[in-house]
């Protein structure tokens, strides 16, 4: 069974862009593995929205390898051409997270998407952030420099907006060290905007592959402290994604047909005891959300976040925002608050 495409010309162009970026990244990651005599393939997994009637997507995923502990490169294209009551026309996106195994190799998150409403208005969302558990300042500078070259006019605003979005108020710190975020972006020139999306996506992908190559070529034996930092940082990542990230939350609330893909950014292991220490810092009712997320994790510590656990976590999030719909307002935003679930219905 195949996913049906959107009717919109601009949606089709955006879909072609995100699929090209997906191929570029997956092939680059697999080449990197092969050059290290380590074949760690990314397996294609298809999902369908309403049995393909309203689109779907394909994610390339890998797990538990010698180079990548978790990796997901997901492309989705959903549309509602046949539903006149829907405000949302279509949404096309690539969303990817790579968590390398070695604690001195940084994780990365990249998201490029085009959302189009039924009134023919639309906007781009462009995100790229470098997420090391043990920072290498040279890699941070390299990532920033590449994004500035890709978007010289927008860079300072995107950097500032990213630092606001990825700030965690309860903990007084950021997720990641290099942030780029353009929300609800459109200049009025469609050709210029899609070129910018391509430039940002390619720069983030290619630079991260260069950073990984450098990290793998120069990695020494990691210390116990560096491994401990990795688990602690992955716990922070888990916390930020499931309590603050609007993209993840909105995706889970809109439908339940791609929970594993939407939760593909989660790392493999998190420290439940560390999460418990953060409960007292949470405002109401988000403290209830964190408590329920902790309860959904397996008994062992560090807790393994596998596919079954991801489904439990997704159910927790839906139940929480069903009970406290106003709590969505506590989630992260940059300069422009991202559209909510209600805006897309």
C-alpha atoms as a PDB file:
ATOM      1  CA  UNK A   1       0.000   0.000   0.000  1.00  0.00           C
ATOM      2  CA  UNK A   2       1.328   3.417  -0.982  1.00  0.00           C
ATOM      3  CA  UNK A   3       0.813   6.859   0.518  1.00  0.00           C
ATOM      4  CA  UNK A   4      -1.106   9.265  -1.691  1.00  0.00           C
ATOM      5  CA  UNK A   5       0.648  12.572  -2.521  1.00  0.00           C
ATOM      6  CA  UNK A   6      -0.666  16.083  -1.854  1.00  0.00           C
ATOM      7  CA  UNK A   7      -2.228  17.988  -4.750  1.00  0.00           C
ATOM      8  CA  UNK A   8      -0.334  21.224  -4.054  1.00  0.00           C
ATOM      9  CA  UNK A   9       2.605  22.101  -6.324  1.00  0.00           C
ATOM     10  CA  UNK A  10       4.511  23.757  -3.460  1.00  0.00           C
ATOM     11  CA  UNK A  11       3.915  20.724  -1.236  1.00  0.00           C
ATOM     12  CA  UNK A  12       5.264  18.442  -3.965  1.00  0.00           C
ATOM     13  CA  UNK A  13       8.394  20.594  -4.282  1.00  0.00           C
ATOM     14  CA  UNK A  14       8.911  20.524  -0.526  1.00  0.00           C
ATOM     15  CA  UNK A  15       8.486  16.745  -0.491  1.00  0.00           C
ATOM     16  CA  UNK A  16      11.110  16.320  -3.196  1.00  0.00           C
ATOM     17  CA  UNK A  17      13.484  18.518  -1.183  1.00  0.00           C
ATOM     18  CA  UNK A  18      13.114  16.632   2.104  1.00  0.00           C
ATOM     19  CA  UNK A  19      13.475  13.244   0.386  1.00  0.00           C
ATOM     20  CA  UNK A  20      16.707  14.442  -1.300  1.00  0.00           C
ATOM     21  CA  UNK A  21      18.001  15.583   2.080  1.00  0.00           C
ATOM     22  CA  UNK A  22      17.046  12.234   3.584  1.00  0.00           C
ATOM     23  CA  UNK A  23      18.985  10.325   0.911  1.00  0.00           C
ATOM     24  CA  UNK A  24      21.965  12.647   1.302  1.00  0.00           C
ATOM     25  CA  UNK A  25      22.130  12.039   5.059  1.00  0.00           C
ATOM     26  CA  UNK A  26      21.488   8.296   5.086  1.00  0.00           C
ATOM     27  CA  UNK A  27      24.021   7.656   2.335  1.00  0.00           C
ATOM     28  CA  UNK A  28      26.572   9.858   4.089  1.00  0.00           C
ATOM     29  CA  UNK A  29      26.133   8.011   7.401  1.00  0.00           C
ATOM     30  CA  UNK A  30      26.409   4.616   5.729  1.00  0.00           C
ATOM     31  CA  UNK A  31      29.546   5.684   3.798  1.00  0.00           C
ATOM     32  CA  UNK A  32      31.084   6.892   7.045  1.00  0.00           C
ATOM     33  CA  UNK A  33      30.439   3.493   8.620  1.00  0.00           C
ATOM     34  CA  UNK A  34      31.821   1.633   5.619  1.00  0.00           C
ATOM     35  CA  UNK A  35      35.019   3.692   5.630  1.00  0.00           C
ATOM     36  CA  UNK A  36      35.560   2.505   9.187  1.00  0.00           C
ATOM     37  CA  UNK A  37      34.995  -1.105   8.133  1.00  0.00           C
ATOM     38  CA  UNK A  38      31.774  -1.048  10.099  1.00  0.00           C
ATOM     39  CA  UNK A  39      28.665  -1.751   8.087  1.00  0.00           C
ATOM     40  CA  UNK A  40      25.758  -0.334  10.058  1.00  0.00           C
ATOM     41  CA  UNK A  41      22.882   0.036   7.586  1.00  0.00           C
ATOM     42  CA  UNK A  42      19.811   2.167   8.055  1.00  0.00           C
ATOM     43  CA  UNK A  43      16.630   0.161   7.460  1.00  0.00           C
ATOM     44  CA  UNK A  44      13.624   1.727   5.722  1.00  0.00           C
ATOM     45  CA  UNK A  45      10.355   1.590   7.646  1.00  0.00           C
ATOM     46  CA  UNK A  46       7.165   2.866   6.026  1.00  0.00           C
ATOM     47  CA  UNK A  47       4.163   4.244   7.888  1.00  0.00           C
ATOM     48  CA  UNK A  48       0.812   5.364   6.480  1.00  0.00           C
ATOM     49  CA  UNK A  49      -1.657   8.021   7.577  1.00  0.00           C
ATOM     50  CA  UNK A  50      -5.179   6.600   7.426  1.00  0.00           C
ATOM     51  CA  UNK A  51      -3.925   3.662   5.322  1.00  0.00           C
ATOM     52  CA  UNK A  52      -2.220   6.054   2.922  1.00  0.00           C
ATOM     53  CA  UNK A  53      -5.306   8.135   2.182  1.00  0.00           C
ATOM     54  CA  UNK A  54      -3.742  11.154   3.876  1.00  0.00           C
ATOM     55  CA  UNK A  55      -0.110  10.419   3.109  1.00  0.00           C
ATOM     56  CA  UNK A  56       2.474   8.869   5.387  1.00  0.00           C
ATOM     57  CA  UNK A  57       6.222   8.593   5.332  1.00  0.00           C
ATOM     58  CA  UNK A  58       9.403   6.563   5.413  1.00  0.00           C
ATOM     59  CA  UNK A  59      12.023   6.617   8.125  1.00  0.00           C
ATOM     60  CA  UNK A  60      15.481   5.087   7.937  1.00  0.00           C
ATOM     61  CA  UNK A  61      16.468   3.816  11.357  1.00  0.00           C
ATOM     62  CA  UNK A  62      19.323   2.039  13.047  1.00  0.00           C
ATOM     63  CA  UNK A  63      20.027   0.934  16.602  1.00  0.00           C
ATOM     64  CA  UNK A  64      22.510  -0.823  18.851  1.00  0.00           C
ATOM     65  CA  UNK A  65      25.420  -0.718  16.406  1.00  0.00           C
ATOM     66  CA  UNK A  66      29.126  -0.145  16.930  1.00  0.00           C
ATOM     67  CA  UNK A  67      28.914   3.470  15.734  1.00  0.00           C
ATOM     68  CA  UNK A  68      25.321   4.583  16.293  1.00  0.00           C
ATOM     69  CA  UNK A  69      23.348   3.646  19.355  1.00  0.00           C
ATOM     70  CA  UNK A  70      20.177   5.192  17.928  1.00  0.00           C
ATOM     71  CA  UNK A  71      19.498   6.874  14.603  1.00  0.00           C
ATOM     72  CA  UNK A  72      16.365   7.953  12.744  1.00  0.00           C
ATOM     73  CA  UNK A  73      16.046   9.916   9.497  1.00  0.00           C
ATOM     74  CA  UNK A  74      12.319  10.385   9.015  1.00  0.00           C
ATOM     75  CA  UNK A  75      10.447  11.968   6.107  1.00  0.00           C
ATOM     76  CA  UNK A  76       6.714  12.513   6.370  1.00  0.00           C
ATOM     77  CA  UNK A  77       4.116  13.953   4.022  1.00  0.00           C
ATOM     78  CA  UNK A  78       0.572  14.314   5.266  1.00  0.00           C
ATOM     79  CA  UNK A  79      -2.314  16.136   3.604  1.00  0.00           C
ATOM     80  CA  UNK A  80      -6.050  16.694   3.849  1.00  0.00           C
ATOM     81  CA  UNK A  81      -7.022  17.552   0.267  1.00  0.00           C
ATOM     82  CA  UNK A  82     -10.259  15.563   0.619  1.00  0.00           C
ATOM     83  CA  UNK A  83     -11.364  17.101   3.938  1.00  0.00           C
ATOM     84  CA  UNK A  84     -12.845  20.561   3.507  1.00  0.00           C
ATOM     85  CA  UNK A  85     -13.228  21.087   7.272  1.00  0.00           C
ATOM     86  CA  UNK A  86      -9.459  20.887   7.886  1.00  0.00           C
ATOM     87  CA  UNK A  87      -7.484  24.121   8.014  1.00  0.00           C
ATOM     88  CA  UNK A  88      -4.254  22.244   7.303  1.00  0.00           C
ATOM     89  CA  UNK A  89      -3.660  21.462   3.653  1.00  0.00           C
ATOM     90  CA  UNK A  90      -0.373  19.563   3.890  1.00  0.00           C
ATOM     91  CA  UNK A  91       2.866  19.206   5.825  1.00  0.00           C
ATOM     92  CA  UNK A  92       6.139  17.826   4.458  1.00  0.00           C
ATOM     93  CA  UNK A  93       9.133  17.326   6.712  1.00  0.00           C
ATOM     94  CA  UNK A  94      12.446  15.695   7.355  1.00  0.00           C
ATOM     95  CA  UNK A  95      13.196  15.208  11.027  1.00  0.00           C
ATOM     96  CA  UNK A  96      16.327  13.387  12.071  1.00  0.00           C
ATOM     97  CA  UNK A  97      18.307  12.589  15.188  1.00  0.00           C
ATOM     98  CA  UNK A  98      21.544  10.632  15.423  1.00  0.00           C
ATOM     99  CA  UNK A  99      22.943   9.426  18.750  1.00  0.00           C
ATOM    100  CA  UNK A 100      26.449   7.952  18.255  1.00  0.00           C
ATOM    101  CA  UNK A 101      27.646   5.281  20.648  1.00  0.00           C
ATOM    102  CA  UNK A 102      30.917   6.894  21.702  1.00  0.00           C
ATOM    103  CA  UNK A 103      30.513   9.690  24.293  1.00  0.00           C
ATOM    104  CA  UNK A 104      32.970  11.952  22.440  1.00  0.00           C
ATOM    105  CA  UNK A 105      30.940  11.868  19.211  1.00  0.00           C
ATOM    106  CA  UNK A 106      28.076  14.394  19.379  1.00  0.00           C
ATOM    107  CA  UNK A 107      24.416  13.806  18.636  1.00  0.00           C
ATOM    108  CA  UNK A 108      22.593  16.018  16.135  1.00  0.00           C
ATOM    109  CA  UNK A 109      19.004  17.043  15.471  1.00  0.00           C
ATOM    110  CA  UNK A 110      17.891  18.492  12.116  1.00  0.00           C
ATOM    111  CA  UNK A 111      14.367  19.399  11.019  1.00  0.00           C
ATOM    112  CA  UNK A 112      13.244  21.034   7.764  1.00  0.00           C
ATOM    113  CA  UNK A 113       9.523  21.299   7.000  1.00  0.00           C
ATOM    114  CA  UNK A 114       6.973  23.110   4.853  1.00  0.00           C
ATOM    115  CA  UNK A 115       3.434  23.487   6.233  1.00  0.00           C
ATOM    116  CA  UNK A 116       0.679  24.733   3.948  1.00  0.00           C
ATOM    117  CA  UNK A 117      -2.819  25.787   4.976  1.00  0.00           C
ATOM    118  CA  UNK A 118      -6.009  25.487   2.907  1.00  0.00           C
ATOM    119  CA  UNK A 119      -5.987  29.264   2.290  1.00  0.00           C
ATOM    120  CA  UNK A 120      -2.690  28.815   0.366  1.00  0.00           C
ATOM    121  CA  UNK A 121      -0.553  30.425   3.084  1.00  0.00           C
ATOM    122  CA  UNK A 122       2.440  28.439   4.228  1.00  0.00           C
ATOM    123  CA  UNK A 123       5.633  28.581   6.226  1.00  0.00           C
ATOM    124  CA  UNK A 124       8.985  26.864   6.645  1.00  0.00           C
ATOM    125  CA  UNK A 125      10.416  25.509   9.877  1.00  0.00           C
ATOM    126  CA  UNK A 126      14.194  25.038   9.894  1.00  0.00           C
ATOM    127  CA  UNK A 127      16.086  23.652  12.864  1.00  0.00           C
ATOM    128  CA  UNK A 128      19.596  22.337  13.429  1.00  0.00           C
ATOM    129  CA  UNK A 129      21.267  21.778  16.776  1.00  0.00           C
ATOM    130  CA  UNK A 130      24.446  20.032  17.859  1.00  0.00           C
ATOM    131  CA  UNK A 131      24.087  17.937  21.005  1.00  0.00           C
ATOM    132  CA  UNK A 132      27.332  16.635  22.533  1.00  0.00           C
ATOM    133  CA  UNK A 133      27.420  14.976  25.931  1.00  0.00           C
ATOM    134  CA  UNK A 134      31.077  16.044  26.175  1.00  0.00           C
ATOM    135  CA  UNK A 135      31.574  19.246  24.196  1.00  0.00           C
ATOM    136  CA  UNK A 136      34.378  19.828  21.705  1.00  0.00           C
ATOM    137  CA  UNK A 137      34.475  23.651  21.223  1.00  0.00           C
ATOM    138  CA  UNK A 138      36.034  23.271  17.765  1.00  0.00           C
ATOM    139  CA  UNK A 139      33.035  21.226  16.609  1.00  0.00           C
ATOM    140  CA  UNK A 140      30.641  23.797  18.057  1.00  0.00           C
ATOM    141  CA  UNK A 141      32.385  26.600  16.146  1.00  0.00           C
ATOM    142  CA  UNK A 142      32.445  24.515  12.956  1.00  0.00           C
ATOM    143  CA  UNK A 143      28.701  23.850  13.131  1.00  0.00           C
ATOM    144  CA  UNK A 144      27.880  27.507  13.741  1.00  0.00           C
ATOM    145  CA  UNK A 145      30.160  28.648  10.901  1.00  0.00           C
ATOM    146  CA  UNK A 146      28.491  26.329   8.403  1.00  0.00           C
ATOM    147  CA  UNK A 147      25.000  27.517   9.312  1.00  0.00           C
ATOM    148  CA  UNK A 148      26.056  31.150   9.155  1.00  0.00           C
ATOM    149  CA  UNK A 149      27.435  30.568   5.653  1.00  0.00           C
ATOM    150  CA  UNK A 150      24.201  28.822   4.646  1.00  0.00           C
ATOM    151  CA  UNK A 151      21.940  31.580   5.995  1.00  0.00           C
ATOM    152  CA  UNK A 152      24.032  34.746   6.466  1.00  0.00           C
ATOM    153  CA  UNK A 153      21.051  37.116   6.616  1.00  0.00           C
ATOM    154  CA  UNK A 154      18.967  34.987   8.970  1.00  0.00           C
ATOM    155  CA  UNK A 155      21.754  33.526  11.102  1.00  0.00           C
ATOM    156  CA  UNK A 156      21.808  35.841  14.119  1.00  0.00           C
ATOM    157  CA  UNK A 157      18.031  35.776  14.504  1.00  0.00           C
ATOM    158  CA  UNK A 158      17.961  31.982  14.051  1.00  0.00           C
ATOM    159  CA  UNK A 159      20.735  31.505  16.604  1.00  0.00           C
ATOM    160  CA  UNK A 160      18.955  33.690  19.168  1.00  0.00           C
ATOM    161  CA  UNK A 161      15.621  31.998  18.535  1.00  0.00           C
ATOM    162  CA  UNK A 162      17.229  28.560  18.853  1.00  0.00           C
ATOM    163  CA  UNK A 163      18.783  29.482  22.175  1.00  0.00           C
ATOM    164  CA  UNK A 164      15.359  30.514  23.447  1.00  0.00           C
ATOM    165  CA  UNK A 165      13.641  27.393  22.128  1.00  0.00           C
ATOM    166  CA  UNK A 166      16.157  24.916  23.522  1.00  0.00           C
ATOM    167  CA  UNK A 167      16.470  26.583  26.919  1.00  0.00           C
ATOM    168  CA  UNK A 168      15.070  24.469  29.774  1.00  0.00           C
ATOM    169  CA  UNK A 169      13.672  26.868  32.420  1.00  0.00           C
ATOM    170  CA  UNK A 170      13.290  24.248  35.150  1.00  0.00           C
ATOM    171  CA  UNK A 171      16.975  23.335  34.916  1.00  0.00           C
ATOM    172  CA  UNK A 172      18.400  26.724  33.929  1.00  0.00           C
ATOM    173  CA  UNK A 173      20.349  25.314  30.985  1.00  0.00           C
ATOM    174  CA  UNK A 174      20.121  24.482  27.295  1.00  0.00           C
ATOM    175  CA  UNK A 175      19.761  21.244  25.397  1.00  0.00           C
ATOM    176  CA  UNK A 176      22.713  21.284  23.037  1.00  0.00           C
ATOM    177  CA  UNK A 177      25.488  23.792  22.369  1.00  0.00           C
ATOM    178  CA  UNK A 178      24.802  25.128  18.851  1.00  0.00           C
ATOM    179  CA  UNK A 179      21.246  26.120  17.959  1.00  0.00           C
ATOM    180  CA  UNK A 180      19.636  27.344  14.741  1.00  0.00           C
ATOM    181  CA  UNK A 181      15.871  27.791  14.526  1.00  0.00           C
ATOM    182  CA  UNK A 182      13.603  29.598  12.074  1.00  0.00           C
ATOM    183  CA  UNK A 183       9.914  29.181  12.936  1.00  0.00           C
ATOM    184  CA  UNK A 184       7.001  30.234  10.751  1.00  0.00           C
ATOM    185  CA  UNK A 185       9.513  31.497   8.182  1.00  0.00           C
ATOM    186  CA  UNK A 186       8.557  32.984   4.823  1.00  0.00           C
ATOM    187  CA  UNK A 187      10.047  35.922   2.970  1.00  0.00           C
ATOM    188  CA  UNK A 188       7.353  36.263   0.315  1.00  0.00           C
ATOM    189  CA  UNK A 189       9.595  34.795  -2.389  1.00  0.00           C
ATOM    190  CA  UNK A 190       8.937  31.054  -2.710  1.00  0.00           C
ATOM    191  CA  UNK A 191      12.080  30.371  -4.765  1.00  0.00           C
ATOM    192  CA  UNK A 192      14.325  32.132  -2.265  1.00  0.00           C
ATOM    193  CA  UNK A 193      12.725  30.319   0.648  1.00  0.00           C
ATOM    194  CA  UNK A 194      13.057  26.795  -0.732  1.00  0.00           C
ATOM    195  CA  UNK A 195      16.673  27.575  -1.682  1.00  0.00           C
ATOM    196  CA  UNK A 196      17.309  28.656   1.911  1.00  0.00           C
ATOM    197  CA  UNK A 197      15.733  25.462   3.249  1.00  0.00           C
ATOM    198  CA  UNK A 198      17.972  23.413   0.971  1.00  0.00           C
ATOM    199  CA  UNK A 199      21.062  25.401   1.950  1.00  0.00           C
ATOM    200  CA  UNK A 200      20.404  25.036   5.679  1.00  0.00           C
ATOM    201  CA  UNK A 201      19.594  21.331   5.393  1.00  0.00           C
ATOM    202  CA  UNK A 202      22.655  20.507   3.312  1.00  0.00           C
ATOM    203  CA  UNK A 203      24.976  22.582   5.506  1.00  0.00           C
ATOM    204  CA  UNK A 204      23.749  20.919   8.693  1.00  0.00           C
ATOM    205  CA  UNK A 205      23.990  17.417   7.210  1.00  0.00           C
ATOM    206  CA  UNK A 206      27.384  17.811   5.532  1.00  0.00           C
ATOM    207  CA  UNK A 207      28.974  19.588   8.493  1.00  0.00           C
ATOM    208  CA  UNK A 208      27.733  17.011  10.949  1.00  0.00           C
ATOM    209  CA  UNK A 209      29.180  14.231   8.778  1.00  0.00           C
ATOM    210  CA  UNK A 210      32.511  16.108   8.796  1.00  0.00           C
ATOM    211  CA  UNK A 211      32.337  16.500  12.587  1.00  0.00           C
ATOM    212  CA  UNK A 212      31.578  12.805  13.028  1.00  0.00           C
ATOM    213  CA  UNK A 213      34.460  11.841  10.745  1.00  0.00           C
ATOM    214  CA  UNK A 214      36.830  14.003  12.779  1.00  0.00           C
ATOM    215  CA  UNK A 215      35.482  12.644  16.057  1.00  0.00           C
ATOM    216  CA  UNK A 216      35.802   9.005  14.977  1.00  0.00           C
ATOM    217  CA  UNK A 217      39.297   9.585  13.570  1.00  0.00           C
ATOM    218  CA  UNK A 218      40.557  11.166  16.786  1.00  0.00           C
ATOM    219  CA  UNK A 219      38.627   9.325  19.470  1.00  0.00           C
ATOM    220  CA  UNK A 220      40.573   7.918  22.376  1.00  0.00           C
ATOM    221  CA  UNK A 221      39.349   5.557  25.055  1.00  0.00           C
ATOM    222  CA  UNK A 222      36.522   7.280  26.898  1.00  0.00           C
ATOM    223  CA  UNK A 223      36.657   7.704  30.653  1.00  0.00           C
ATOM    224  CA  UNK A 224      34.027   6.582  33.128  1.00  0.00           C
ATOM    225  CA  UNK A 225      33.192  10.247  33.694  1.00  0.00           C
ATOM    226  CA  UNK A 226      32.603  10.798  29.978  1.00  0.00           C
ATOM    227  CA  UNK A 227      30.292   7.784  29.821  1.00  0.00           C
ATOM    228  CA  UNK A 228      28.433   9.081  32.884  1.00  0.00           C
ATOM    229  CA  UNK A 229      28.112  12.484  31.205  1.00  0.00           C
ATOM    230  CA  UNK A 230      26.573  10.743  28.211  1.00  0.00           C
ATOM    231  CA  UNK A 231      23.815   9.073  30.241  1.00  0.00           C
ATOM    232  CA  UNK A 232      23.145  12.325  32.122  1.00  0.00           C
ATOM    233  CA  UNK A 233      22.955  14.293  28.897  1.00  0.00           C
ATOM    234  CA  UNK A 234      20.681  11.768  27.227  1.00  0.00           C
ATOM    235  CA  UNK A 235      18.431  12.038  30.272  1.00  0.00           C
ATOM    236  CA  UNK A 236      18.332  15.808  29.771  1.00  0.00           C
ATOM    237  CA  UNK A 237      17.514  15.236  26.091  1.00  0.00           C
ATOM    238  CA  UNK A 238      14.642  12.908  27.020  1.00  0.00           C
ATOM    239  CA  UNK A 239      13.354  15.478  29.514  1.00  0.00           C
ATOM    240  CA  UNK A 240      13.418  18.357  27.029  1.00  0.00           C
ATOM    241  CA  UNK A 241      11.805  16.425  24.173  1.00  0.00           C
ATOM    242  CA  UNK A 242       8.918  15.036  26.208  1.00  0.00           C
ATOM    243  CA  UNK A 243       8.138  18.046  28.396  1.00  0.00           C
ATOM    244  CA  UNK A 244       9.016  21.048  26.201  1.00  0.00           C
ATOM    245  CA  UNK A 245       9.245  20.181  22.508  1.00  0.00           C
ATOM    246  CA  UNK A 246       6.118  21.383  20.707  1.00  0.00           C
ATOM    247  CA  UNK A 247       6.902  19.488  17.524  1.00  0.00           C
ATOM    248  CA  UNK A 248       6.960  16.138  19.324  1.00  0.00           C
ATOM    249  CA  UNK A 249       3.900  16.891  21.426  1.00  0.00           C
ATOM    250  CA  UNK A 250       1.828  18.218  18.510  1.00  0.00           C
ATOM    251  CA  UNK A 251       2.738  15.214  16.376  1.00  0.00           C
ATOM    252  CA  UNK A 252       1.565  12.833  19.087  1.00  0.00           C
ATOM    253  CA  UNK A 253      -1.666  14.731  19.719  1.00  0.00           C
ATOM    254  CA  UNK A 254      -2.667  15.028  16.065  1.00  0.00           C
ATOM    255  CA  UNK A 255      -2.579  11.260  15.436  1.00  0.00           C
ATOM    256  CA  UNK A 256      -1.295   7.938  16.796  1.00  0.00           C
ATOM    257  CA  UNK A 257      -0.170   6.324  13.539  1.00  0.00           C
ATOM    258  CA  UNK A 258       3.560   7.052  13.758  1.00  0.00           C
ATOM    259  CA  UNK A 259       4.417   7.050  17.465  1.00  0.00           C
ATOM    260  CA  UNK A 260       7.708   5.219  16.983  1.00  0.00           C
ATOM    261  CA  UNK A 261       8.791   7.636  14.265  1.00  0.00           C
ATOM    262  CA  UNK A 262       7.771  10.737  16.220  1.00  0.00           C
ATOM    263  CA  UNK A 263       9.645   9.428  19.262  1.00  0.00           C
ATOM    264  CA  UNK A 264      12.649   8.541  17.110  1.00  0.00           C
ATOM    265  CA  UNK A 265      14.708  11.315  18.692  1.00  0.00           C
ATOM    266  CA  UNK A 266      14.775   9.642  22.104  1.00  0.00           C
ATOM    267  CA  UNK A 267      18.119   8.173  23.226  1.00  0.00           C
ATOM    268  CA  UNK A 268      18.490   4.553  24.240  1.00  0.00           C
ATOM    269  CA  UNK A 269      19.050   4.932  28.000  1.00  0.00           C
ATOM    270  CA  UNK A 270      17.971   7.475  30.608  1.00  0.00           C
ATOM    271  CA  UNK A 271      18.670   7.838  34.312  1.00  0.00           C
ATOM    272  CA  UNK A 272      15.380   7.527  36.211  1.00  0.00           C
ATOM    273  CA  UNK A 273      16.945   8.655  39.465  1.00  0.00           C
ATOM    274  CA  UNK A 274      18.150  11.872  37.843  1.00  0.00           C
ATOM    275  CA  UNK A 275      14.675  12.496  36.416  1.00  0.00           C
ATOM    276  CA  UNK A 276      13.198  12.118  39.907  1.00  0.00           C
ATOM    277  CA  UNK A 277      15.480  14.860  41.241  1.00  0.00           C
ATOM    278  CA  UNK A 278      13.956  17.263  38.691  1.00  0.00           C
ATOM    279  CA  UNK A 279      10.353  16.698  39.801  1.00  0.00           C
ATOM    280  CA  UNK A 280      10.472  19.399  42.468  1.00  0.00           C
ATOM    281  CA  UNK A 281      11.573  21.949  39.866  1.00  0.00           C
ATOM    282  CA  UNK A 282       8.551  21.409  37.624  1.00  0.00           C
ATOM    283  CA  UNK A 283       5.585  23.743  37.635  1.00  0.00           C
ATOM    284  CA  UNK A 284       2.060  22.386  37.968  1.00  0.00           C
ATOM    285  CA  UNK A 285       0.698  20.403  36.121  1.00  0.00           C
ATOM    286  CA  UNK A 286       3.915  19.487  34.295  1.00  0.00           C
ATOM    287  CA  UNK A 287       5.185  17.800  37.431  1.00  0.00           C
ATOM    288  CA  UNK A 288       2.383  15.270  36.906  1.00  0.00           C
ATOM    289  CA  UNK A 289       3.565  14.713  33.345  1.00  0.00           C
ATOM    290  CA  UNK A 290       7.143  14.016  34.414  1.00  0.00           C
ATOM    291  CA  UNK A 291       5.983  11.695  37.185  1.00  0.00           C
ATOM    292  CA  UNK A 292       3.878   9.710  34.699  1.00  0.00           C
ATOM    293  CA  UNK A 293       6.741   9.560  32.180  1.00  0.00           C
ATOM    294  CA  UNK A 294       9.058   8.162  34.850  1.00  0.00           C
ATOM    295  CA  UNK A 295       6.452   5.574  35.808  1.00  0.00           C
ATOM    296  CA  UNK A 296       6.188   4.468  32.161  1.00  0.00           C
ATOM    297  CA  UNK A 297       9.911   3.635  31.996  1.00  0.00           C
ATOM    298  CA  UNK A 298      11.188   0.099  32.684  1.00  0.00           C
ATOM    299  CA  UNK A 299      12.181  -0.814  36.232  1.00  0.00           C
ATOM    300  CA  UNK A 300      15.928  -1.047  35.657  1.00  0.00           C
ATOM    301  CA  UNK A 301      18.183   2.002  35.818  1.00  0.00           C
ATOM    302  CA  UNK A 302      19.449   3.324  33.480  1.00  0.00           C
ATOM    303  CA  UNK A 303      16.136   2.554  31.773  1.00  0.00           C
ATOM    304  CA  UNK A 304      16.032   1.277  28.193  1.00  0.00           C
ATOM    305  CA  UNK A 305      13.779   3.335  25.921  1.00  0.00           C
ATOM    306  CA  UNK A 306      12.721   0.704  23.398  1.00  0.00           C
ATOM    307  CA  UNK A 307       9.775   0.643  20.988  1.00  0.00           C
ATOM    308  CA  UNK A 308       7.319  -0.680  23.573  1.00  0.00           C
ATOM    309  CA  UNK A 309       8.365   2.023  26.021  1.00  0.00           C
ATOM    310  CA  UNK A 310       7.968   4.722  23.374  1.00  0.00           C
ATOM    311  CA  UNK A 311       4.356   3.666  22.870  1.00  0.00           C
ATOM    312  CA  UNK A 312       3.741   3.907  26.620  1.00  0.00           C
ATOM    313  CA  UNK A 313       5.333   7.349  26.742  1.00  0.00           C
ATOM    314  CA  UNK A 314       3.180   8.513  23.814  1.00  0.00           C
ATOM    315  CA  UNK A 315       0.048   7.357  25.646  1.00  0.00           C
ATOM    316  CA  UNK A 316       1.151   9.275  28.752  1.00  0.00           C
ATOM    317  CA  UNK A 317       1.548  12.487  26.770  1.00  0.00           C
ATOM    318  CA  UNK A 318      -1.860  12.160  25.109  1.00  0.00           C
ATOM    319  CA  UNK A 319      -3.541  11.501  28.442  1.00  0.00           C
ATOM    320  CA  UNK A 320      -1.807  14.458  30.088  1.00  0.00           C
ATOM    321  CA  UNK A 321      -2.752  17.044  27.464  1.00  0.00           C
ATOM    322  CA  UNK A 322      -6.233  15.570  27.224  1.00  0.00           C
ATOM    323  CA  UNK A 323      -6.595  16.330  30.925  1.00  0.00           C
ATOM    324  CA  UNK A 324      -4.674  19.635  30.847  1.00  0.00           C
ATOM    325  CA  UNK A 325      -5.002  21.102  27.320  1.00  0.00           C
ATOM    326  CA  UNK A 326      -3.835  24.513  28.552  1.00  0.00           C
ATOM    327  CA  UNK A 327      -0.478  22.980  29.551  1.00  0.00           C
ATOM    328  CA  UNK A 328       0.628  23.138  25.911  1.00  0.00           C
ATOM    329  CA  UNK A 329       1.293  26.837  26.603  1.00  0.00           C
ATOM    330  CA  UNK A 330       4.179  25.870  28.917  1.00  0.00           C
ATOM    331  CA  UNK A 331       6.136  24.387  26.024  1.00  0.00           C
ATOM    332  CA  UNK A 332       9.084  25.957  24.244  1.00  0.00           C
ATOM    333  CA  UNK A 333       8.894  28.702  21.638  1.00  0.00           C
ATOM    334  CA  UNK A 334      11.281  31.061  19.894  1.00  0.00           C
ATOM    335  CA  UNK A 335      10.353  34.511  18.606  1.00  0.00           C
ATOM    336  CA  UNK A 336       7.151  33.223  17.022  1.00  0.00           C
ATOM    337  CA  UNK A 337       5.070  30.729  19.012  1.00  0.00           C
ATOM    338  CA  UNK A 338       4.727  27.624  16.829  1.00  0.00           C
ATOM    339  CA  UNK A 339       1.216  26.758  15.616  1.00  0.00           C
ATOM    340  CA  UNK A 340      -0.666  24.522  18.011  1.00  0.00           C
ATOM    341  CA  UNK A 341      -2.785  21.468  17.391  1.00  0.00           C
ATOM    342  CA  UNK A 342      -5.869  23.684  17.265  1.00  0.00           C
ATOM    343  CA  UNK A 343      -4.366  25.830  14.483  1.00  0.00           C
ATOM    344  CA  UNK A 344      -3.971  22.760  12.283  1.00  0.00           C
ATOM    345  CA  UNK A 345      -7.419  21.289  12.752  1.00  0.00           C
END
